Each structure stands twice: as C-alpha cells, then as structure tokens.
C-alpha cells in the first residue's frame, strides 16, 4: 500500500508541474501576459510613460490585426509594473510579474540601474527579458541566456559621440579641445562617463569637468556655476528628463557658450525636454538610435499615427519599445507556443530588418551569443527651431538636413 501511495504522489507532482508550466502566460490561446517594467513615477517618469505608449500602440495593432496567428489569434495583454526608478523595487516587481502575473516575457526597464538587477530575476526563473533601452554594457556581459538587448551600449555610444566631435572639428576647422562631463549618478550615467573619459584620452581631448549628480535634484545651480567657471568647449550629458531641463535652463540663464551640447538620448530625447526649455533646446546634439524623421517611410507613418493618438512625436525610447513589442510578437508566432523556453530559443535566432512590419528603427534585430543586438548603432539628431532633425549619418537624414557647427553664441542667436 505504501508503494502505491508513493507512486501516486509522484504522479500528482508531475501532473502539477505540467499544469504549472502550461499555465505560464495563460493558455495557448486567449490572452498572453507580457510584463512591462518601467519608471512611471520618479524623475524618469515622462520617459517611462512615452515608452509605455510605444508598447501599447504596438499591442493594439497586433491584436487588431488578428493576434498571434499560430496560436489561434491569441492576443497580447500588457501587465504593467512601476519601478519608480528604484533598483530594489524593480527586483520586487520583476518577481511579482513572473510568480503572480505569469508573464511569458518581461520588457524593460529603461534605467540600467533597474534593468541590471531585474534581469537576474528573469534569468533565475528562465523567463525571457527584452531590453529595448538600457545602455550599461554589463547587462549582456554576464553569460545570461534569457536577456536580449535591442539597443546599443554606452561603450558604442561614448565612442561614437567622441568620434563625432573629433570629426566635425576637423571638417569645420572649429576644433574642440576641452570637455565637460555631466551625468546622473546611477549606473547609466557613471558608465557613460567612464567611456567618455576612455575615448577622450584616445582622441586627445582634455576633461576639465567631471560632474555626477542625483537625477532627482531639486536644483542643479551649483553644477551650472561649475560649468561657467570651467568653460568647457563641449558639454556631454547623460541626463533624465527633469535634470536635463534644469541644466538646459541654467546654462541659458547664465548665457554660457560652449561650442557643442551633446546629449545621450534619455531626457534629451524626451519631447517634454523641448516643450519645457523651448528655444534653449536649439543646437543641442543628441546621440540617439532613431528619430521619427529618419529616412524610413514606415517610421514616419508610424509616428504620424502615434502623434494623432498622443499629441506628440515618438521619442527615441518609445520607438525602441514599439519595435521590441513586434520582435516579441514575431518570436511567439514562430515558437507557436507561450512556453518561455521556446520563446527564448526563437529570440536567440531571430532576424528582422528595418521596414519589416513593426521594425521602425534604422537597424535590424539579430542577437549575438550574449543577447546583444548585432546591428544596434547610433544616429545624431540636432534640435533646430525646436524640432529634432536627424543630421548624421547622411544616408538616414532627410534631404536638406544640415549640421550647425559650432553652436552660435547667445548673442548671435
């Protein structure tokens, strides 16, 4: 009798495990739960909100066009969690999305300081985690099998920024000699600064200002005073929205005249930045990865639709989140199942190109063995007449898009 009971318990345990595995993300048809982890409160909230809007619009399109065809039209349901920009809360929310909401994948978390630890949770539970926009290089340097990053890293971004400043100086004869580095003091900002310094040394630039600050600062006037005192030829920023606005307003009020303002997406790519600083945003360069005005018709068409819905252009991060959602939908379609291991297997081998349905970035999507997108690269945007314009590389810029270099002084504007 004891043997029979033991055998029955084993069967029950096996059955429970099968049922649990099958229940992830709900059934094979119906709704597929996908977790979204973003900062919907805190200093990066404006970016979190427009990133979420990118996911939402993509899901609405996918569901309206028949859902996932290989799963009898199953639809995607976004399960949204607010990290608040707090790494510990990000861990908690990732755990909840997986263990309570039964998501088949997580997408997030914008801030590298949240993405880095929350991807560890997904790896533990063997749940795919797609990273549309977090630059810290180490996110894909840990041997993880379930992390897939769509965007570039601070290493590539930092190199391209310094190379661009060097190239433009040589082409124009108006060369930059000194740099001021201004960055929020979490993972993204700190890693950005480390790479700027690395490439500044390689290209012979002198760093005369190296200033980290809390992104949630109520005032950055002391930082602005340091800029005025050190007078760097070029200012490089790694800022979220509220701090980008404070610094831009401060520099404008003090009539500080660097030759170059260079953002790193983030707050400078947020439409709220231009809305708040207005004319003071003009002539800012931004090393982003895409823009609504790139020479890619599907991107401009998608932005026009988004603008009707939300009243503003898609930001760099919004575009990447929209694209990431289509990448996931295609992976689920190819897998023909909501099993996370099968979705991971497809993501590891997926190949999508610009202009393909939902791919509105200027580069394709194909992940290397580390989970890093092989094709991610930067584009340079300059704000002219309070409008972001792609100016480099030339093959992605619309006709008539010309670089203004150096920045006119406040007296010349």
Protein backbone atom coordinates (compact mmCIF):
# COMPACT_ATOMS: atom_id res chain seq x y z
CA UNK A 1 0.00 0.00 0.00
CA UNK A 2 2.83 2.33 0.86
CA UNK A 3 4.40 1.80 -2.58
CA UNK A 4 1.11 2.57 -4.33
CA UNK A 5 0.70 5.81 -2.36
CA UNK A 6 4.27 6.85 -3.13
CA UNK A 7 3.75 6.17 -6.83
CA UNK A 8 0.53 8.19 -6.81
CA UNK A 9 2.24 11.18 -5.13
CA UNK A 10 4.90 11.16 -7.82
CA UNK A 11 2.24 11.19 -10.49
CA UNK A 12 0.43 14.07 -8.80
CA UNK A 13 3.67 16.07 -8.52
CA UNK A 14 4.48 15.50 -12.18
CA UNK A 15 0.96 16.50 -13.18
CA UNK A 16 1.19 19.66 -11.08
CA UNK A 17 4.49 20.59 -12.74
CA UNK A 18 2.98 20.12 -16.19
CA UNK A 19 -0.04 22.23 -15.26
CA UNK A 20 2.18 24.97 -13.83
CA UNK A 21 4.33 25.07 -16.95
CA UNK A 22 1.24 25.18 -19.17
CA UNK A 23 -0.35 27.99 -17.14
CA UNK A 24 2.52 30.43 -17.71
CA UNK A 25 1.18 33.36 -19.71
CA UNK A 26 -2.32 31.80 -19.58
CA UNK A 27 -3.34 29.13 -22.05
CA UNK A 28 -2.02 28.57 -25.57
CA UNK A 29 -4.96 30.61 -26.83
CA UNK A 30 -6.72 33.58 -25.28
CA UNK A 31 -4.53 36.21 -23.64
CA UNK A 32 -0.75 36.11 -23.42
CA UNK A 33 0.59 38.01 -20.43
CA UNK A 34 3.64 40.16 -21.15
CA UNK A 35 5.29 42.13 -18.36
CA UNK A 36 6.32 45.76 -18.76
CA UNK A 37 8.66 47.22 -16.14
CA UNK A 38 9.21 50.97 -16.44
CA UNK A 39 9.68 54.09 -14.28
CA UNK A 40 6.15 55.50 -14.24
CA UNK A 41 6.94 57.65 -11.21
CA UNK A 42 10.11 59.48 -10.19
CA UNK A 43 12.45 61.68 -12.27
CA UNK A 44 12.37 59.42 -15.35
CA UNK A 45 8.57 59.07 -15.36
CA UNK A 46 8.00 61.12 -18.56
CA UNK A 47 10.28 58.73 -20.45
CA UNK A 48 8.59 55.75 -18.82
CA UNK A 49 5.17 56.97 -19.90
CA UNK A 50 6.04 57.53 -23.56
CA UNK A 51 7.93 54.21 -23.61
CA UNK A 52 4.79 52.50 -22.32
CA UNK A 53 2.76 54.25 -25.01
CA UNK A 54 5.04 52.69 -27.63
CA UNK A 55 4.34 49.22 -26.23
CA UNK A 56 0.61 49.95 -26.04
CA UNK A 57 0.27 51.14 -29.62
CA UNK A 58 2.16 48.11 -30.93
CA UNK A 59 -0.02 45.71 -28.92
CA UNK A 60 -3.21 47.42 -30.11
CA UNK A 61 -2.06 47.00 -33.72
CA UNK A 62 -1.02 43.36 -33.25
CA UNK A 63 -4.27 42.40 -31.53
CA UNK A 64 -6.42 44.33 -34.03
CA UNK A 65 -4.75 42.54 -36.94
CA UNK A 66 -5.69 39.11 -35.62
CA UNK A 67 -3.32 38.49 -32.72
CA UNK A 68 -0.81 35.64 -32.90
CA UNK A 69 -1.84 33.56 -35.93
CA UNK A 70 -0.08 30.35 -34.86
CA UNK A 71 -1.95 30.44 -31.53
CA UNK A 72 -5.47 30.74 -32.96
CA UNK A 73 -5.44 34.53 -32.71
CA UNK A 74 -4.31 34.76 -29.09
CA UNK A 75 -3.95 38.39 -28.04
CA UNK A 76 -1.22 40.07 -26.02
CA UNK A 77 -2.07 41.57 -22.65
CA UNK A 78 0.40 44.00 -21.09
CA UNK A 79 0.87 43.63 -17.34
CA UNK A 80 2.46 46.91 -16.27
CA UNK A 81 4.68 47.46 -13.23
CA UNK A 82 6.15 50.75 -12.00
CA UNK A 83 9.78 50.51 -10.89
CA UNK A 84 9.76 54.10 -9.64
CA UNK A 85 13.40 54.16 -10.74
CA UNK A 86 14.30 52.14 -7.63
CA UNK A 87 16.50 49.04 -8.21
CA UNK A 88 15.10 47.21 -5.17
CA UNK A 89 11.53 47.89 -6.24
CA UNK A 90 12.48 46.76 -9.74
CA UNK A 91 13.55 43.41 -8.30
CA UNK A 92 10.30 43.08 -6.39
CA UNK A 93 8.18 43.99 -9.40
CA UNK A 94 10.02 41.58 -11.70
CA UNK A 95 9.47 38.78 -9.19
CA UNK A 96 5.77 39.64 -8.95
CA UNK A 97 5.32 39.77 -12.73
CA UNK A 98 6.77 36.28 -13.04
CA UNK A 99 5.39 34.49 -9.98
CA UNK A 100 1.98 36.16 -9.64
CA UNK A 101 1.09 37.52 -13.07
CA UNK A 102 2.54 34.57 -15.01
CA UNK A 103 4.12 36.66 -17.75
CA UNK A 104 5.89 34.85 -20.58
CA UNK A 105 8.38 37.68 -21.10
CA UNK A 106 9.36 40.96 -19.45
CA UNK A 107 10.31 44.11 -21.37
CA UNK A 108 12.10 46.96 -19.59
CA UNK A 109 13.32 48.65 -17.56
CA UNK A 110 14.84 51.76 -19.22
CA UNK A 111 17.13 52.70 -16.32
CA UNK A 112 20.23 50.50 -16.31
CA UNK A 113 20.26 50.56 -12.51
CA UNK A 114 16.89 48.75 -12.59
CA UNK A 115 17.45 46.61 -15.68
CA UNK A 116 20.72 45.14 -14.39
CA UNK A 117 19.27 43.52 -11.23
CA UNK A 118 15.81 42.73 -12.63
CA UNK A 119 17.28 40.69 -15.49
CA UNK A 120 18.84 38.48 -12.79
CA UNK A 121 15.33 37.61 -11.60
CA UNK A 122 14.22 36.68 -15.12
CA UNK A 123 17.33 34.55 -15.58
CA UNK A 124 16.60 32.70 -12.33
CA UNK A 125 13.07 31.84 -13.48
CA UNK A 126 14.12 31.24 -17.11
CA UNK A 127 11.82 33.95 -18.45
CA UNK A 128 12.96 35.97 -21.50
CA UNK A 129 13.71 39.63 -20.78
CA UNK A 130 13.85 42.03 -23.74
CA UNK A 131 15.72 45.28 -23.08
CA UNK A 132 14.59 47.99 -25.53
CA UNK A 133 16.73 50.74 -23.99
CA UNK A 134 19.33 50.33 -21.22
CA UNK A 135 22.94 51.13 -22.09
CA UNK A 136 25.06 49.64 -19.28
CA UNK A 137 27.44 47.22 -21.08
CA UNK A 138 27.47 44.66 -18.27
CA UNK A 139 23.77 43.87 -18.76
CA UNK A 140 24.76 41.48 -21.57
CA UNK A 141 28.18 40.53 -20.22
CA UNK A 142 27.15 38.01 -17.53
CA UNK A 143 26.59 34.89 -19.60
CA UNK A 144 22.80 35.13 -19.26
CA UNK A 145 20.70 33.13 -21.71
CA UNK A 146 17.37 34.93 -21.24
CA UNK A 147 18.40 38.59 -21.66
CA UNK A 148 18.10 40.19 -25.12
CA UNK A 149 19.08 43.83 -25.63
CA UNK A 150 17.74 45.71 -28.64
CA UNK A 151 19.73 48.93 -28.15
CA UNK A 152 23.42 49.80 -28.21
CA UNK A 153 25.65 50.13 -25.13
CA UNK A 154 27.43 53.06 -23.50
CA UNK A 155 30.68 51.75 -24.98
CA UNK A 156 29.45 52.22 -28.54
CA UNK A 157 27.54 55.40 -27.68
CA UNK A 158 30.53 57.01 -25.95
CA UNK A 159 32.86 56.16 -28.80
CA UNK A 160 30.50 57.50 -31.45
CA UNK A 161 29.98 60.76 -29.53
CA UNK A 162 33.69 61.46 -29.11
CA UNK A 163 34.44 60.44 -32.70
CA UNK A 164 31.67 62.73 -33.96
CA UNK A 165 33.06 65.71 -32.02
CA UNK A 166 36.55 64.98 -33.36
CA UNK A 167 35.33 64.51 -36.95
CA UNK A 168 33.20 67.65 -37.01
CA UNK A 169 36.02 69.75 -35.56
CA UNK A 170 38.39 68.62 -38.28
CA UNK A 171 35.84 69.09 -41.07
CA UNK A 172 34.85 72.58 -39.94
CA UNK A 173 38.20 73.83 -38.70
CA UNK A 174 36.43 74.70 -35.42
CA UNK A 175 38.01 72.15 -33.11
CA UNK A 176 37.05 71.21 -29.58
CA UNK A 177 39.86 70.91 -27.05
CA UNK A 178 38.14 70.57 -23.66
CA UNK A 179 35.17 68.54 -22.43
CA UNK A 180 32.74 68.91 -19.55
CA UNK A 181 31.04 65.68 -18.46
CA UNK A 182 27.68 65.95 -16.68
CA UNK A 183 25.81 62.81 -15.72
CA UNK A 184 23.26 61.36 -13.33
CA UNK A 185 24.97 59.27 -10.67
CA UNK A 186 23.39 55.84 -11.24
CA UNK A 187 24.62 53.00 -13.48
CA UNK A 188 23.85 54.62 -16.82
CA UNK A 189 25.46 57.98 -16.08
CA UNK A 190 28.53 56.51 -14.40
CA UNK A 191 29.17 54.03 -17.22
CA UNK A 192 28.67 56.81 -19.80
CA UNK A 193 31.26 59.00 -18.08
CA UNK A 194 33.77 56.15 -17.89
CA UNK A 195 33.52 55.61 -21.64
CA UNK A 196 33.70 59.33 -22.45
CA UNK A 197 36.94 59.55 -20.47
CA UNK A 198 38.32 56.46 -22.19
CA UNK A 199 37.70 57.85 -25.68
CA UNK A 200 38.57 61.44 -24.75
CA UNK A 201 42.06 60.25 -23.89
CA UNK A 202 42.31 58.31 -27.15
CA UNK A 203 41.34 61.36 -29.23
CA UNK A 204 43.37 63.89 -27.25
CA UNK A 205 40.59 65.83 -25.51
CA UNK A 206 41.12 67.28 -22.04
CA UNK A 207 38.36 66.65 -19.49
CA UNK A 208 38.12 69.85 -17.45
CA UNK A 209 34.87 68.99 -15.68
CA UNK A 210 33.64 65.62 -14.42
CA UNK A 211 30.39 66.10 -12.51
CA UNK A 212 27.98 63.44 -11.25
CA UNK A 213 24.71 64.47 -9.61
CA UNK A 214 21.44 62.87 -8.38
CA UNK A 215 18.83 62.80 -11.16
CA UNK A 216 16.11 63.82 -8.70
CA UNK A 217 17.90 67.03 -7.68
CA UNK A 218 15.57 69.95 -6.98
CA UNK A 219 18.21 72.35 -8.28
CA UNK A 220 21.41 71.99 -10.28
CA UNK A 221 22.54 75.60 -9.92
CA UNK A 222 25.86 74.58 -8.28
CA UNK A 223 26.62 72.40 -11.32
CA UNK A 224 25.75 75.26 -13.67
CA UNK A 225 28.13 77.55 -11.78
CA UNK A 226 30.90 74.99 -12.24
CA UNK A 227 30.22 74.90 -15.98
CA UNK A 228 30.53 78.67 -16.09
CA UNK A 229 33.80 78.55 -14.16
CA UNK A 230 35.48 75.76 -16.17
CA UNK A 231 34.18 76.88 -19.62
CA UNK A 232 34.49 73.53 -21.46
CA UNK A 233 34.32 73.65 -25.26
CA UNK A 234 31.85 70.77 -25.33
CA UNK A 235 29.29 69.61 -22.78
CA UNK A 236 28.35 65.92 -22.77
CA UNK A 237 25.22 64.89 -20.87
CA UNK A 238 23.76 61.63 -19.59
CA UNK A 239 20.56 63.01 -18.09
CA UNK A 240 16.99 62.00 -17.45
CA UNK A 241 14.18 64.46 -18.17
CA UNK A 242 13.95 66.66 -15.08
CA UNK A 243 17.72 67.08 -14.72
CA UNK A 244 18.17 67.73 -18.46
CA UNK A 245 15.63 70.54 -18.17
CA UNK A 246 17.28 72.06 -15.09
CA UNK A 247 20.71 72.07 -16.73
CA UNK A 248 19.48 73.50 -20.04
CA UNK A 249 17.60 76.30 -18.32
CA UNK A 250 20.57 77.07 -16.09
CA UNK A 251 23.03 77.25 -18.98
CA UNK A 252 20.64 79.51 -20.90
CA UNK A 253 20.08 81.84 -17.94
CA UNK A 254 23.82 82.17 -17.37
CA UNK A 255 24.44 82.67 -21.13
CA UNK A 256 27.18 80.03 -21.14
CA UNK A 257 28.58 79.48 -24.65
CA UNK A 258 30.05 76.02 -25.28
CA UNK A 259 30.77 75.08 -28.87
CA UNK A 260 28.83 71.83 -28.52
CA UNK A 261 25.96 70.44 -26.44
CA UNK A 262 25.81 66.64 -26.71
CA UNK A 263 23.05 64.55 -25.14
CA UNK A 264 22.86 60.75 -24.86
CA UNK A 265 19.17 60.12 -25.61
CA UNK A 266 17.40 59.78 -22.23
CA UNK A 267 15.94 63.11 -21.16
CA UNK A 268 17.20 64.96 -24.22
CA UNK A 269 15.17 62.61 -26.44
CA UNK A 270 12.01 63.12 -24.38
CA UNK A 271 9.52 65.52 -26.08
CA UNK A 272 9.00 67.09 -22.65
CA UNK A 273 12.55 68.49 -22.84
CA UNK A 274 11.85 70.74 -25.84
CA UNK A 275 8.37 71.59 -24.51
CA UNK A 276 9.94 72.96 -21.32
CA UNK A 277 13.13 74.68 -22.45
CA UNK A 278 11.81 75.85 -25.84
CA UNK A 279 14.40 77.95 -27.77
CA UNK A 280 17.13 76.97 -25.32
CA UNK A 281 16.93 73.43 -26.77
CA UNK A 282 18.12 74.65 -30.17
CA UNK A 283 21.50 73.38 -31.44
CA UNK A 284 21.66 70.52 -28.94
CA UNK A 285 23.05 67.35 -30.49
CA UNK A 286 21.71 64.06 -29.21
CA UNK A 287 23.31 60.68 -29.78
CA UNK A 288 20.16 58.59 -30.11
CA UNK A 289 19.41 55.46 -32.10
CA UNK A 290 16.47 56.63 -34.10
CA UNK A 291 14.07 59.51 -34.64
CA UNK A 292 10.64 59.98 -36.22
CA UNK A 293 12.17 61.83 -39.18
CA UNK A 294 14.70 59.20 -40.30
CA UNK A 295 14.62 58.32 -43.98
CA UNK A 296 12.49 55.22 -43.41
CA UNK A 297 8.87 55.60 -44.61
CA UNK A 298 7.36 53.10 -42.14
CA UNK A 299 8.91 55.04 -39.25
CA UNK A 300 7.40 58.34 -40.38
CA UNK A 301 3.99 56.71 -40.99
CA UNK A 302 4.03 55.11 -37.54
CA UNK A 303 4.99 58.40 -35.93
CA UNK A 304 2.10 60.19 -37.68
CA UNK A 305 -0.31 57.64 -36.23
CA UNK A 306 1.25 57.96 -32.77
CA UNK A 307 1.05 61.75 -32.90
CA UNK A 308 -2.70 61.56 -33.59
CA UNK A 309 -3.14 59.31 -30.57
CA UNK A 310 -0.85 61.04 -28.07
CA UNK A 311 -0.35 64.57 -29.37
CA UNK A 312 3.45 64.41 -29.65
CA UNK A 313 6.19 62.72 -31.66
CA UNK A 314 7.55 59.34 -30.65
CA UNK A 315 10.71 59.61 -28.59
CA UNK A 316 13.81 57.51 -29.22
CA UNK A 317 12.83 55.18 -26.37
CA UNK A 318 9.20 55.00 -27.48
CA UNK A 319 10.30 53.87 -30.95
CA UNK A 320 12.52 51.13 -29.50
CA UNK A 321 9.73 49.91 -27.21
CA UNK A 322 7.30 49.77 -30.14
CA UNK A 323 9.84 47.80 -32.18
CA UNK A 324 10.67 45.45 -29.27
CA UNK A 325 6.98 44.56 -28.95
CA UNK A 326 6.84 43.48 -32.58
CA UNK A 327 10.03 41.45 -32.14
CA UNK A 328 8.41 39.60 -29.24
CA UNK A 329 5.17 39.03 -31.15
CA UNK A 330 7.10 37.56 -34.07
CA UNK A 331 9.07 35.31 -31.69
CA UNK A 332 5.86 33.99 -30.11
CA UNK A 333 4.37 33.45 -33.58
CA UNK A 334 7.41 31.46 -34.74
CA UNK A 335 7.54 29.48 -31.49
CA UNK A 336 3.86 28.61 -31.80
CA UNK A 337 3.65 28.39 -28.03
CA UNK A 338 3.77 30.57 -24.93
CA UNK A 339 6.42 28.38 -23.33
CA UNK A 340 9.19 30.82 -22.25
CA UNK A 341 11.98 28.40 -23.15
CA UNK A 342 10.68 28.10 -26.70
CA UNK A 343 10.30 31.88 -26.97
CA UNK A 344 13.90 32.26 -25.77
CA UNK A 345 15.10 29.78 -28.38
CA UNK A 346 13.41 31.76 -31.16
CA UNK A 347 14.71 35.11 -29.87
CA UNK A 348 18.25 33.72 -29.90
CA UNK A 349 17.91 33.05 -33.64
CA UNK A 350 15.54 35.77 -34.82
CA UNK A 351 16.44 38.06 -37.73
CA UNK A 352 14.35 41.12 -38.57
CA UNK A 353 15.20 44.03 -40.85
CA UNK A 354 14.28 47.76 -40.94
CA UNK A 355 10.99 48.32 -42.72
CA UNK A 356 9.66 44.87 -41.81
CA UNK A 357 6.30 45.09 -40.04
CA UNK A 358 6.88 46.90 -36.75
CA UNK A 359 10.64 47.41 -37.18
CA UNK A 360 10.87 51.20 -37.23
CA UNK A 361 14.46 51.51 -36.01
CA UNK A 362 17.09 52.25 -38.69
CA UNK A 363 18.83 48.98 -37.86
CA UNK A 364 17.70 45.37 -37.83
CA UNK A 365 17.41 42.95 -34.94
CA UNK A 366 19.66 39.91 -34.58
CA UNK A 367 21.13 38.90 -31.24
CA UNK A 368 24.64 37.56 -30.69
CA UNK A 369 25.52 34.77 -28.26
CA UNK A 370 25.46 37.28 -25.37
CA UNK A 371 21.99 38.57 -26.25
CA UNK A 372 23.25 41.88 -27.65
CA UNK A 373 21.73 43.16 -30.90
CA UNK A 374 24.48 42.91 -33.54
CA UNK A 375 23.06 45.75 -35.62
CA UNK A 376 22.40 48.45 -33.00
CA UNK A 377 24.04 51.78 -33.85
CA UNK A 378 23.61 55.45 -33.19
CA UNK A 379 22.26 58.38 -35.16
CA UNK A 380 22.93 62.03 -34.41
CA UNK A 381 19.99 64.35 -34.02
CA UNK A 382 20.22 68.13 -33.73
CA UNK A 383 17.41 70.32 -32.45
CA UNK A 384 16.75 73.18 -34.87
CA UNK A 385 13.80 75.55 -34.48
CA UNK A 386 12.63 73.37 -31.58
CA UNK A 387 12.43 70.28 -33.80
CA UNK A 388 14.67 67.24 -33.63
CA UNK A 389 16.30 66.55 -37.00
CA UNK A 390 18.48 63.58 -37.96
CA UNK A 391 21.72 65.06 -39.32
CA UNK A 392 24.12 62.09 -39.31
CA UNK A 393 24.75 59.61 -40.87
CA UNK A 394 23.73 61.26 -44.11
CA UNK A 395 22.00 58.15 -45.50
CA UNK A 396 19.43 58.34 -42.70
CA UNK A 397 18.91 62.10 -42.87
CA UNK A 398 16.16 63.62 -44.98
CA UNK A 399 17.22 65.93 -47.85
CA UNK A 400 18.10 69.42 -46.64
CA UNK A 401 19.11 68.36 -43.13
CA UNK A 402 22.31 70.27 -42.38
CA UNK A 403 24.51 70.30 -39.28
CA UNK A 404 25.00 73.61 -37.47
CA UNK A 405 28.55 73.65 -36.03
CA UNK A 406 29.66 75.18 -33.73
CA UNK A 407 26.71 76.35 -31.63
CA UNK A 408 26.03 80.07 -32.18
CA UNK A 409 26.66 82.18 -29.09
CA UNK A 410 23.65 83.59 -27.25
CA UNK A 411 24.48 86.99 -28.73
CA UNK A 412 24.48 85.53 -32.27
CA UNK A 413 21.15 83.73 -32.00
